[in-house]
Amino acid sequence: MKTANRVNVATKYRLREMLIKPKPRSSQTMVLRKHMLPSKVLVSSCILLFLFLSRGIPAVDHDEDLSQPTETVVSESVDEHADLDILPELEPEEQWPTQAHFSADPNDWPGNGQPLGQTAPSFSVDRVKSFPPRKTFIDDYAIPAMPLVVAGAFKDTNIEKNWPRDSFFTTNAFAALHRVNATGPSKNTEELSLREFFLRKSWDTAIEMETTIPDFMRIDFSIPVSVQCKAIIEELQEAKLRMSASKKTNVIPAVSNLDRLVCVAKGKKNVFLVNGNQVHRDSNFTVTLEIDAAETFDFDSVDLRKIPGLRFAKFYKAELAATDCLYIPAKWTQFVKISSNFIEAETNWIRKTIDSSDKICGAVPTGKMTLGLLKLAKEPEIDLNKIMTISPLQLILNAVGQKNFTFDQMQNWLKKDKKLLQKMTEWNDEYEAIAGELFLLLDLNRDAVFSADDLDLLQPAAQALFLGRLHDRMQDFMDIMTDQQADLAPFTGKAGAGGAKLSPEIKEYLEKYNQDMKKLIADAVAEKEKQEKGEQQPDAKASTDAQNSSRKRPDRPKVQCPEEIRDDVIMEDTAGSDTRTNNRENYEEEILAEDDDELGEVPGVSRTPTPNPNEHPVHVEL
């Protein structure tokens, strides 16, 4: 229950910063800078004291031995923020800011030429073990603009499981197709794939980069309920990914209207936070905290002449490990020290003027929300079609691992795989032909094996064409599986692929087809029996052929042919080899040809196709 004398987090931070000059006391004296007693409460206390005195409260014995400890009773209703820091009272000569802070000579400024924050007041950022309820976060931290550390925010998630592993990126098709701008020792920018960045990081200890969080990683980044507020979600701007191979220090200037949520995936990070409003206020509104991010900053010997406003700064310190998150309000500047092999993700949003979580947040959401489901103002929406197209390639790379595949190895894997071709009933020549086309598409360096190294040769301009052809090959596999499922449906009593039932036209066709097959087989058996008994008439064969030719085959229902199947597919060799063209025949003609093959082998029956005047007749034994 809220009490009248409750002090919220904003007041707590303000009290920490208010260093009022006290009366001279012993340096061992401790004061609890925790509550500010309102004037009304003070007046009420005086009245109560007067009433008690008027009832004959015994006077205090000043001769009492004060060296004996006395019992102090604290009201439980006031213990809501018992975890607040108990700060030692400063002696008069330690008051801050001092007159030296306002000196015109920079050499007199306290802290000039010394390590960052050594002579300035410093405090610890509030730390919790999990994200607080949304109302608590908005009312106690977001509205008053106070930082917060959430320990283990992404514990037991894909961020903790996958992101710290280099192999997650080096054997990742999505990482191979995502381009980043990396910076090396010479500070020159070079465009690499995310996969190439992690390969180079193993030997180039100075490489670093910052990029948009790739689509396949944005799905892993869950938005905590604490910030699932309408005023925040609608103002999301960016989602950034930062990686560094070596230790470094950095200064991230504050943005006047941008709140940040920074989460560490790998490594450690020490942060010194400075509130720009506090600097402006304590300098009697004479200076502001202006920092040039490109300027070299020495944490061990701060040159206050470059950043004059920093001499008035009070520092809030935070230590972050993997899976920890830090909320940084607008106008707070970061002075950062990171470890080697460091990875972090950041999302930010424009800060709005809000006064209550109840007014601007709306209903509390019940479902899981990730960055992949949200529209960010400065970034394109996640491309789900691209993710679905690359997913089969990722399955193949998972099987390859750190090795490679020859065509035979990939074909054997496809036969046994239960994910990519999960509805395949039997491997046949059609599967083998498409597998060959797929292997030629993937083997970009033409070394007769496929590995993740092949994808490094794929330039951004060719990605769309590559993915389009990859989609076509996967669709070819799907078409064959659909046909196989449809062929099995009459015998198994199950629906075709995808759970769809056979149409009445297809059912009627199959029934007529089965009847014709039975009659054809019966005639063939009878004919063979006549031959064995020597009762074959001279014109029997001609009569049989006439019966077969007069028997009309039922019309097969026409199937709409997908556009990509009818089109010609041209595969270009990246090494400049000859162009090979795979021209598809008319779809209905293919079906009829397949029907001829499906007649199977019948003893004693031969079938002569209709002669073509342009070619020699071919006799086909069935």
Foldseek 3Di string as FASTA:
>chain_A
DDDPFEDFQLQLVVLLVDQDADDDDDQPDWDASHTDDDPVNVVVVVVVVVVVVVVPDDDDDPVDPPVDDDDDDDDPNHCPPVVRDTDGRDHNVLDPDDPLLVDPDLVSQPQFFAFPPPSFAEAAAAEEAEDDAQQSCCQRDQQSQGKYKHALHQPPFVLQVQVLDLLSQLLFPQQLQAWWWKAAPVRDTDIAGSNVQSVCLVPRQFIKTKDADALVCQVRAWDDLNQLFQQFQVFWAGKMKIWHQAKDKFKDAFAQFKKKKKAWSAFKKKKKKWAQVQLCVSVVNPDTFDDDRVDDADNGTGRCVRGSSSSNTYIYIDMGHHSMMMIGHGRMMITMITGGGIMMMMIMGTHDNDNGRVVGGPDRDDDIGTSQVGDHPHDHHHDVVLVVLCVVVSVVSVVQRPHKAALVRSVVCVVVDCPLLVLDPDDDPQLSVLSVVVVQLQQQVPPRIHHSVSSRPDDNVCPVVSSVVSVVSSVSSVVVSQVVQVVCCVVVVFATPPRDHDDPLQVVLVVQVVVVLVVVLVVQVVVVVCVVVVNDDPCNVVVVVVVVVPDDRDDHDDDDDDPVQQDKDWDQRNVRDDIDIDHHDDPVVVVVVVVVPVSDAHPPDWDWDDDDPVDDTDTDHD
